[in-house]
Amino acid sequence: MPEAQRGWHPILTAFEPKPGEWWLKTPNGETYAFLTILRRGDEIGYRAVSYAERPEDRKYLGYYRRLFAAAEDVHDRYVRATSAPKKVPQR
């Protein structure tokens, strides 16, 4: 399915403070990750890092060839990390 037909996507709520940089935010406006465009010769990609107040506390999350894939993967990681663990039924 083409990306434009998917409906909601985390990139739609990203803040773009300057060209080539996106801040992924929670519904209450807290930043949880940064995406930055990288150019390596003719290749263009996106670097993802977690948000932390101090830059040295940020964690590298990955390198992606597509912006939508980067935003989707980072958002899914955030949701999993902040969700309550699933309860396993006891037998």
PDB file of N, CA and C in Angstrom:
ATOM      1  N   MET A   1       0.852  -1.185   0.000  1.00  0.00           N
ATOM      2  CA  MET A   1       0.000   0.000   0.000  1.00  0.00           C
ATOM      3  C   MET A   1       0.896   1.246   0.000  1.00  0.00           C
ATOM      4  N   PRO A   2       0.619   2.223  -0.861  1.00  0.00           N
ATOM      5  CA  PRO A   2       1.414   3.450  -0.871  1.00  0.00           C
ATOM      6  C   PRO A   2       1.337   4.152   0.483  1.00  0.00           C
ATOM      7  N   GLU A   3       2.454   4.792   0.877  1.00  0.00           N
ATOM      8  CA  GLU A   3       2.531   5.443   2.175  1.00  0.00           C
ATOM      9  C   GLU A   3       1.411   6.461   2.380  1.00  0.00           C
ATOM     10  N   ALA A   4       1.028   7.174   1.337  1.00  0.00           N
ATOM     11  CA  ALA A   4       0.006   8.214   1.468  1.00  0.00           C
ATOM     12  C   ALA A   4      -1.362   7.638   1.810  1.00  0.00           C
ATOM     13  N   GLN A   5      -1.587   6.349   1.576  1.00  0.00           N
ATOM     14  CA  GLN A   5      -2.884   5.742   1.841  1.00  0.00           C
ATOM     15  C   GLN A   5      -2.949   5.029   3.191  1.00  0.00           C
ATOM     16  N   ARG A   6      -1.881   5.016   3.943  1.00  0.00           N
ATOM     17  CA  ARG A   6      -1.845   4.296   5.210  1.00  0.00           C
ATOM     18  C   ARG A   6      -2.659   4.947   6.317  1.00  0.00           C
ATOM     19  N   GLY A   7      -2.902   6.226   6.249  1.00  0.00           N
ATOM     20  CA  GLY A   7      -3.565   6.922   7.348  1.00  0.00           C
ATOM     21  C   GLY A   7      -2.530   7.565   8.252  1.00  0.00           C
ATOM     22  N   TRP A   8      -2.788   7.518   9.564  1.00  0.00           N
ATOM     23  CA  TRP A   8      -1.889   8.179  10.505  1.00  0.00           C
ATOM     24  C   TRP A   8      -0.508   7.535  10.492  1.00  0.00           C
ATOM     25  N   HIS A   9       0.514   8.362  10.654  1.00  0.00           N
ATOM     26  CA  HIS A   9       1.900   7.898  10.722  1.00  0.00           C
ATOM     27  C   HIS A   9       2.639   8.825  11.694  1.00  0.00           C
ATOM     28  N   PRO A  10       3.598   8.308  12.474  1.00  0.00           N
ATOM     29  CA  PRO A  10       4.294   9.149  13.453  1.00  0.00           C
ATOM     30  C   PRO A  10       4.985  10.370  12.853  1.00  0.00           C
ATOM     31  N   ILE A  11       5.387  10.310  11.602  1.00  0.00           N
ATOM     32  CA  ILE A  11       6.052  11.468  11.008  1.00  0.00           C
ATOM     33  C   ILE A  11       5.103  12.665  10.904  1.00  0.00           C
ATOM     34  N   LEU A  12       3.801  12.402  10.903  1.00  0.00           N
ATOM     35  CA  LEU A  12       2.821  13.488  10.787  1.00  0.00           C
ATOM     36  C   LEU A  12       2.790  14.391  12.018  1.00  0.00           C
ATOM     37  N   THR A  13       3.261  13.901  13.151  1.00  0.00           N
ATOM     38  CA  THR A  13       3.272  14.725  14.371  1.00  0.00           C
ATOM     39  C   THR A  13       4.675  15.210  14.719  1.00  0.00           C
ATOM     40  N   ALA A  14       5.651  14.927  13.857  1.00  0.00           N
ATOM     41  CA  ALA A  14       7.031  15.350  14.131  1.00  0.00           C
ATOM     42  C   ALA A  14       7.159  16.860  13.972  1.00  0.00           C
ATOM     43  N   PHE A  15       8.033  17.428  14.783  1.00  0.00           N
ATOM     44  CA  PHE A  15       8.366  18.848  14.716  1.00  0.00           C
ATOM     45  C   PHE A  15       9.644  18.967  13.896  1.00  0.00           C
ATOM     46  N   GLU A  16       9.657  19.856  12.922  1.00  0.00           N
ATOM     47  CA  GLU A  16      10.838  20.041  12.068  1.00  0.00           C
ATOM     48  C   GLU A  16      11.420  21.431  12.335  1.00  0.00           C
ATOM     49  N   PRO A  17      12.360  21.526  13.315  1.00  0.00           N
ATOM     50  CA  PRO A  17      12.891  22.838  13.681  1.00  0.00           C
ATOM     51  C   PRO A  17      13.751  23.469  12.597  1.00  0.00           C
ATOM     52  N   LYS A  18      14.351  22.630  11.759  1.00  0.00           N
ATOM     53  CA  LYS A  18      15.128  23.120  10.616  1.00  0.00           C
ATOM     54  C   LYS A  18      15.131  22.021   9.556  1.00  0.00           C
ATOM     55  N   PRO A  19      15.396  22.380   8.310  1.00  0.00           N
ATOM     56  CA  PRO A  19      15.382  21.372   7.249  1.00  0.00           C
ATOM     57  C   PRO A  19      16.327  20.210   7.560  1.00  0.00           C
ATOM     58  N   GLY A  20      15.825  18.997   7.399  1.00  0.00           N
ATOM     59  CA  GLY A  20      16.647  17.810   7.598  1.00  0.00           C
ATOM     60  C   GLY A  20      16.715  17.306   9.027  1.00  0.00           C
ATOM     61  N   GLU A  21      15.900  17.876   9.927  1.00  0.00           N
ATOM     62  CA  GLU A  21      15.878  17.429  11.331  1.00  0.00           C
ATOM     63  C   GLU A  21      14.430  17.334  11.802  1.00  0.00           C
ATOM     64  N   TRP A  22      14.079  16.187  12.393  1.00  0.00           N
ATOM     65  CA  TRP A  22      12.720  15.963  12.879  1.00  0.00           C
ATOM     66  C   TRP A  22      12.780  15.506  14.323  1.00  0.00           C
ATOM     67  N   TRP A  23      11.922  16.061  15.154  1.00  0.00           N
ATOM     68  CA  TRP A  23      11.809  15.656  16.555  1.00  0.00           C
ATOM     69  C   TRP A  23      10.507  14.890  16.692  1.00  0.00           C
ATOM     70  N   LEU A  24      10.576  13.640  17.142  1.00  0.00           N
ATOM     71  CA  LEU A  24       9.370  12.848  17.371  1.00  0.00           C
ATOM     72  C   LEU A  24       8.876  13.146  18.782  1.00  0.00           C
ATOM     73  N   LYS A  25       7.582  13.423  18.878  1.00  0.00           N
ATOM     74  CA  LYS A  25       7.009  13.871  20.155  1.00  0.00           C
ATOM     75  C   LYS A  25       5.827  13.017  20.578  1.00  0.00           C
ATOM     76  N   THR A  26       5.626  12.941  21.886  1.00  0.00           N
ATOM     77  CA  THR A  26       4.466  12.260  22.452  1.00  0.00           C
ATOM     78  C   THR A  26       3.250  13.158  22.256  1.00  0.00           C
ATOM     79  N   PRO A  27       2.034  12.634  22.484  1.00  0.00           N
ATOM     80  CA  PRO A  27       0.841  13.484  22.364  1.00  0.00           C
ATOM     81  C   PRO A  27       0.858  14.705  23.299  1.00  0.00           C
ATOM     82  N   ASN A  28       1.575  14.605  24.422  1.00  0.00           N
ATOM     83  CA  ASN A  28       1.638  15.773  25.325  1.00  0.00           C
ATOM     84  C   ASN A  28       2.834  16.671  25.022  1.00  0.00           C
ATOM     85  N   GLY A  29       3.521  16.433  23.919  1.00  0.00           N
ATOM     86  CA  GLY A  29       4.556  17.346  23.455  1.00  0.00           C
ATOM     87  C   GLY A  29       5.977  17.060  23.907  1.00  0.00           C
ATOM     88  N   GLU A  30       6.205  15.952  24.589  1.00  0.00           N
ATOM     89  CA  GLU A  30       7.559  15.618  25.027  1.00  0.00           C
ATOM     90  C   GLU A  30       8.315  14.930  23.888  1.00  0.00           C
ATOM     91  N   THR A  31       9.528  15.373  23.649  1.00  0.00           N
ATOM     92  CA  THR A  31      10.354  14.776  22.601  1.00  0.00           C
ATOM     93  C   THR A  31      10.896  13.440  23.079  1.00  0.00           C
ATOM     94  N   TYR A  32      10.858  12.420  22.210  1.00  0.00           N
ATOM     95  CA  TYR A  32      11.422  11.126  22.585  1.00  0.00           C
ATOM     96  C   TYR A  32      12.504  10.649  21.621  1.00  0.00           C
ATOM     97  N   ALA A  33      12.668  11.293  20.466  1.00  0.00           N
ATOM     98  CA  ALA A  33      13.735  10.903  19.538  1.00  0.00           C
ATOM     99  C   ALA A  33      13.957  12.000  18.506  1.00  0.00           C
ATOM    100  N   PHE A  34      15.129  11.933  17.893  1.00  0.00           N
ATOM    101  CA  PHE A  34      15.488  12.842  16.802  1.00  0.00           C
ATOM    102  C   PHE A  34      15.808  12.016  15.562  1.00  0.00           C
ATOM    103  N   LEU A  35      15.403  12.520  14.415  1.00  0.00           N
ATOM    104  CA  LEU A  35      15.795  11.958  13.124  1.00  0.00           C
ATOM    105  C   LEU A  35      16.535  13.052  12.377  1.00  0.00           C
ATOM    106  N   THR A  36      17.678  12.706  11.790  1.00  0.00           N
ATOM    107  CA  THR A  36      18.490  13.682  11.076  1.00  0.00           C
ATOM    108  C   THR A  36      18.893  13.109   9.730  1.00  0.00           C
ATOM    109  N   ILE A  37      18.774  13.927   8.687  1.00  0.00           N
ATOM    110  CA  ILE A  37      19.172  13.470   7.362  1.00  0.00           C
ATOM    111  C   ILE A  37      20.697  13.443   7.270  1.00  0.00           C
ATOM    112  N   LEU A  38      21.211  12.419   6.611  1.00  0.00           N
ATOM    113  CA  LEU A  38      22.651  12.279   6.384  1.00  0.00           C
ATOM    114  C   LEU A  38      22.893  12.095   4.899  1.00  0.00           C
ATOM    115  N   ARG A  39      23.947  12.684   4.420  1.00  0.00           N
ATOM    116  CA  ARG A  39      24.347  12.487   3.028  1.00  0.00           C
ATOM    117  C   ARG A  39      25.739  11.875   3.025  1.00  0.00           C
ATOM    118  N   ARG A  40      25.858  10.745   2.356  1.00  0.00           N
ATOM    119  CA  ARG A  40      27.145  10.063   2.201  1.00  0.00           C
ATOM    120  C   ARG A  40      27.377   9.887   0.710  1.00  0.00           C
ATOM    121  N   GLY A  41      28.080  10.815   0.122  1.00  0.00           N
ATOM    122  CA  GLY A  41      28.240  10.790  -1.336  1.00  0.00           C
ATOM    123  C   GLY A  41      26.884  10.975  -1.978  1.00  0.00           C
ATOM    124  N   ASP A  42      26.483  10.035  -2.824  1.00  0.00           N
ATOM    125  CA  ASP A  42      25.182  10.105  -3.484  1.00  0.00           C
ATOM    126  C   ASP A  42      24.056   9.510  -2.639  1.00  0.00           C
ATOM    127  N   GLU A  43      24.402   8.835  -1.542  1.00  0.00           N
ATOM    128  CA  GLU A  43      23.396   8.173  -0.703  1.00  0.00           C
ATOM    129  C   GLU A  43      22.827   9.147   0.328  1.00  0.00           C
ATOM    130  N   ILE A  44      21.522   9.073   0.489  1.00  0.00           N
ATOM    131  CA  ILE A  44      20.843   9.865   1.510  1.00  0.00           C
ATOM    132  C   ILE A  44      20.190   8.896   2.481  1.00  0.00           C
ATOM    133  N   GLY A  45      20.365   9.143   3.776  1.00  0.00           N
ATOM    134  CA  GLY A  45      19.776   8.289   4.798  1.00  0.00           C
ATOM    135  C   GLY A  45      19.386   9.117   6.006  1.00  0.00           C
ATOM    136  N   TYR A  46      18.931   8.439   7.045  1.00  0.00           N
ATOM    137  CA  TYR A  46      18.431   9.101   8.246  1.00  0.00           C
ATOM    138  C   TYR A  46      18.996   8.426   9.484  1.00  0.00           C
ATOM    139  N   ARG A  47      19.544   9.214  10.389  1.00  0.00           N
ATOM    140  CA  ARG A  47      20.093   8.729  11.650  1.00  0.00           C
ATOM    141  C   ARG A  47      19.062   8.991  12.733  1.00  0.00           C
ATOM    142  N   ALA A  48      18.825   7.989  13.563  1.00  0.00           N
ATOM    143  CA  ALA A  48      17.865   8.123  14.661  1.00  0.00           C
ATOM    144  C   ALA A  48      18.595   8.002  15.993  1.00  0.00           C
ATOM    145  N   VAL A  49      18.297   8.914  16.910  1.00  0.00           N
ATOM    146  CA  VAL A  49      18.837   8.861  18.267  1.00  0.00           C
ATOM    147  C   VAL A  49      17.712   9.138  19.259  1.00  0.00           C
ATOM    148  N   SER A  50      17.837   8.564  20.448  1.00  0.00           N
ATOM    149  CA  SER A  50      16.849   8.820  21.492  1.00  0.00           C
ATOM    150  C   SER A  50      17.064  10.226  22.043  1.00  0.00           C
ATOM    151  N   TYR A  51      16.016  10.764  22.652  1.00  0.00           N
ATOM    152  CA  TYR A  51      16.141  12.082  23.267  1.00  0.00           C
ATOM    153  C   TYR A  51      16.652  11.947  24.694  1.00  0.00           C
ATOM    154  N   ALA A  52      17.545  12.824  25.057  1.00  0.00           N
ATOM    155  CA  ALA A  52      17.981  13.021  26.435  1.00  0.00           C
ATOM    156  C   ALA A  52      18.377  14.487  26.527  1.00  0.00           C
ATOM    157  N   GLU A  53      18.202  15.066  27.680  1.00  0.00           N
ATOM    158  CA  GLU A  53      18.530  16.483  27.859  1.00  0.00           C
ATOM    159  C   GLU A  53      19.983  16.754  27.468  1.00  0.00           C
ATOM    160  N   ARG A  54      20.883  15.914  27.949  1.00  0.00           N
ATOM    161  CA  ARG A  54      22.297  16.080  27.630  1.00  0.00           C
ATOM    162  C   ARG A  54      22.650  15.236  26.405  1.00  0.00           C
ATOM    163  N   PRO A  55      23.254  15.838  25.391  1.00  0.00           N
ATOM    164  CA  PRO A  55      23.591  15.089  24.167  1.00  0.00           C
ATOM    165  C   PRO A  55      24.391  13.818  24.426  1.00  0.00           C
ATOM    166  N   GLU A  56      25.267  13.822  25.401  1.00  0.00           N
ATOM    167  CA  GLU A  56      26.080  12.631  25.672  1.00  0.00           C
ATOM    168  C   GLU A  56      25.260  11.463  26.229  1.00  0.00           C
ATOM    169  N   ASP A  57      24.029  11.735  26.684  1.00  0.00           N
ATOM    170  CA  ASP A  57      23.153  10.685  27.205  1.00  0.00           C
ATOM    171  C   ASP A  57      22.228  10.093  26.138  1.00  0.00           C
ATOM    172  N   ARG A  58      22.276  10.634  24.933  1.00  0.00           N
ATOM    173  CA  ARG A  58      21.431  10.119  23.847  1.00  0.00           C
ATOM    174  C   ARG A  58      21.992   8.811  23.324  1.00  0.00           C
ATOM    175  N   LYS A  59      21.094   7.941  22.858  1.00  0.00           N
ATOM    176  CA  LYS A  59      21.493   6.622  22.369  1.00  0.00           C
ATOM    177  C   LYS A  59      21.196   6.519  20.867  1.00  0.00           C
ATOM    178  N   TYR A  60      22.145   5.965  20.143  1.00  0.00           N
ATOM    179  CA  TYR A  60      21.980   5.722  18.714  1.00  0.00           C
ATOM    180  C   TYR A  60      20.948   4.614  18.530  1.00  0.00           C
ATOM    181  N   LEU A  61      19.927   4.866  17.701  1.00  0.00           N
ATOM    182  CA  LEU A  61      18.865   3.890  17.467  1.00  0.00           C
ATOM    183  C   LEU A  61      18.970   3.209  16.112  1.00  0.00           C
ATOM    184  N   GLY A  62      19.646   3.833  15.172  1.00  0.00           N
ATOM    185  CA  GLY A  62      19.787   3.177  13.880  1.00  0.00           C
ATOM    186  C   GLY A  62      19.935   4.145  12.722  1.00  0.00           C
ATOM    187  N   TYR A  63      20.224   3.555  11.580  1.00  0.00           N
ATOM    188  CA  TYR A  63      20.362   4.271  10.319  1.00  0.00           C
ATOM    189  C   TYR A  63      19.335   3.680   9.353  1.00  0.00           C
ATOM    190  N   TYR A  64      18.629   4.535   8.652  1.00  0.00           N
ATOM    191  CA  TYR A  64      17.543   4.108   7.770  1.00  0.00           C
ATOM    192  C   TYR A  64      17.694   4.781   6.415  1.00  0.00           C
ATOM    193  N   ARG A  65      17.222   4.124   5.386  1.00  0.00           N
ATOM    194  CA  ARG A  65      17.259   4.695   4.035  1.00  0.00           C
ATOM    195  C   ARG A  65      16.009   5.505   3.730  1.00  0.00           C
ATOM    196  N   ARG A  66      14.950   5.304   4.508  1.00  0.00           N
ATOM    197  CA  ARG A  66      13.684   6.015   4.262  1.00  0.00           C
ATOM    198  C   ARG A  66      13.205   6.686   5.542  1.00  0.00           C
ATOM    199  N   LEU A  67      12.735   7.927   5.401  1.00  0.00           N
ATOM    200  CA  LEU A  67      12.266   8.704   6.549  1.00  0.00           C
ATOM    201  C   LEU A  67      11.067   8.045   7.226  1.00  0.00           C
ATOM    202  N   PHE A  68      10.095   7.592   6.449  1.00  0.00           N
ATOM    203  CA  PHE A  68       8.901   6.969   7.046  1.00  0.00           C
ATOM    204  C   PHE A  68       9.279   5.710   7.826  1.00  0.00           C
ATOM    205  N   ALA A  69      10.195   4.918   7.291  1.00  0.00           N
ATOM    206  CA  ALA A  69      10.637   3.707   7.992  1.00  0.00           C
ATOM    207  C   ALA A  69      11.331   4.071   9.300  1.00  0.00           C
ATOM    208  N   ALA A  70      12.154   5.105   9.276  1.00  0.00           N
ATOM    209  CA  ALA A  70      12.848   5.542  10.495  1.00  0.00           C
ATOM    210  C   ALA A  70      11.843   5.968  11.555  1.00  0.00           C
ATOM    211  N   ALA A  71      10.902   6.821  11.177  1.00  0.00           N
ATOM    212  CA  ALA A  71       9.909   7.310  12.141  1.00  0.00           C
ATOM    213  C   ALA A  71       9.055   6.175  12.682  1.00  0.00           C
ATOM    214  N   GLU A  72       8.657   5.270  11.817  1.00  0.00           N
ATOM    215  CA  GLU A  72       7.806   4.153  12.230  1.00  0.00           C
ATOM    216  C   GLU A  72       8.537   3.222  13.204  1.00  0.00           C
ATOM    217  N   ASP A  73       9.775   2.866  12.897  1.00  0.00           N
ATOM    218  CA  ASP A  73      10.533   1.969  13.762  1.00  0.00           C
ATOM    219  C   ASP A  73      10.815   2.611  15.116  1.00  0.00           C
ATOM    220  N   VAL A  74      11.246   3.853  15.113  1.00  0.00           N
ATOM    221  CA  VAL A  74      11.553   4.552  16.370  1.00  0.00           C
ATOM    222  C   VAL A  74      10.286   4.717  17.207  1.00  0.00           C
ATOM    223  N   HIS A  75       9.173   5.043  16.577  1.00  0.00           N
ATOM    224  CA  HIS A  75       7.912   5.181  17.300  1.00  0.00           C
ATOM    225  C   HIS A  75       7.489   3.840  17.913  1.00  0.00           C
ATOM    226  N   ASP A  76       7.592   2.761  17.138  1.00  0.00           N
ATOM    227  CA  ASP A  76       7.239   1.436  17.656  1.00  0.00           C
ATOM    228  C   ASP A  76       8.109   1.055  18.851  1.00  0.00           C
ATOM    229  N   ARG A  77       9.396   1.369  18.779  1.00  0.00           N
ATOM    230  CA  ARG A  77      10.287   1.104  19.922  1.00  0.00           C
ATOM    231  C   ARG A  77       9.845   1.882  21.156  1.00  0.00           C
ATOM    232  N   TYR A  78       9.497   3.157  20.940  1.00  0.00           N
ATOM    233  CA  TYR A  78       9.059   3.998  22.058  1.00  0.00           C
ATOM    234  C   TYR A  78       7.787   3.429  22.694  1.00  0.00           C
ATOM    235  N   VAL A  79       6.839   3.045  21.874  1.00  0.00           N
ATOM    236  CA  VAL A  79       5.578   2.494  22.388  1.00  0.00           C
ATOM    237  C   VAL A  79       5.845   1.218  23.181  1.00  0.00           C
ATOM    238  N   ARG A  80       6.670   0.334  22.645  1.00  0.00           N
ATOM    239  CA  ARG A  80       6.988  -0.910  23.367  1.00  0.00           C
ATOM    240  C   ARG A  80       7.695  -0.623  24.687  1.00  0.00           C
ATOM    241  N   ALA A  81       8.611   0.335  24.694  1.00  0.00           N
ATOM    242  CA  ALA A  81       9.389   0.643  25.896  1.00  0.00           C
ATOM    243  C   ALA A  81       8.551   1.306  26.985  1.00  0.00           C
ATOM    244  N   THR A  82       7.491   1.986  26.592  1.00  0.00           N
ATOM    245  CA  THR A  82       6.691   2.717  27.579  1.00  0.00           C
ATOM    246  C   THR A  82       5.353   2.057  27.890  1.00  0.00           C
ATOM    247  N   SER A  83       5.067   0.942  27.245  1.00  0.00           N
ATOM    248  CA  SER A  83       3.813   0.228  27.490  1.00  0.00           C
ATOM    249  C   SER A  83       3.971  -0.726  28.667  1.00  0.00           C
ATOM    250  N   ALA A  84       2.858  -0.987  29.320  1.00  0.00           N
ATOM    251  CA  ALA A  84       2.862  -1.969  30.408  1.00  0.00           C
ATOM    252  C   ALA A  84       3.126  -3.344  29.821  1.00  0.00           C
ATOM    253  N   PRO A  85       3.902  -4.167  30.521  1.00  0.00           N
ATOM    254  CA  PRO A  85       4.140  -5.513  30.003  1.00  0.00           C
ATOM    255  C   PRO A  85       2.852  -6.319  29.957  1.00  0.00           C
ATOM    256  N   LYS A  86       2.775  -7.190  28.968  1.00  0.00           N
ATOM    257  CA  LYS A  86       1.583  -8.044  28.837  1.00  0.00           C
ATOM    258  C   LYS A  86       1.603  -9.093  29.951  1.00  0.00           C
ATOM    259  N   LYS A  87       0.443  -9.324  30.532  1.00  0.00           N
ATOM    260  CA  LYS A  87       0.339 -10.358  31.557  1.00  0.00           C
ATOM    261  C   LYS A  87       0.152 -11.703  30.876  1.00  0.00           C
ATOM    262  N   VAL A  88       0.906 -12.677  31.329  1.00  0.00           N
ATOM    263  CA  VAL A  88       0.822 -14.019  30.795  1.00  0.00           C
ATOM    264  C   VAL A  88      -0.168 -14.791  31.676  1.00  0.00           C
ATOM    265  N   PRO A  89      -1.206 -15.366  31.074  1.00  0.00           N
ATOM    266  CA  PRO A  89      -2.169 -16.111  31.894  1.00  0.00           C
ATOM    267  C   PRO A  89      -1.497 -17.283  32.588  1.00  0.00           C
ATOM    268  N   GLN A  90      -1.843 -17.471  33.840  1.00  0.00           N
ATOM    269  CA  GLN A  90      -1.273 -18.614  34.600  1.00  0.00           C
ATOM    270  C   GLN A  90      -2.183 -19.804  34.445  1.00  0.00           C
ATOM    271  N   ARG A  91      -1.576 -20.961  34.398  1.00  0.00           N
ATOM    272  CA  ARG A  91      -2.343 -22.200  34.211  1.00  0.00           C
ATOM    273  C   ARG A  91      -2.559 -22.886  35.535  1.00  0.00           C
TER     274      ARG A  91
END
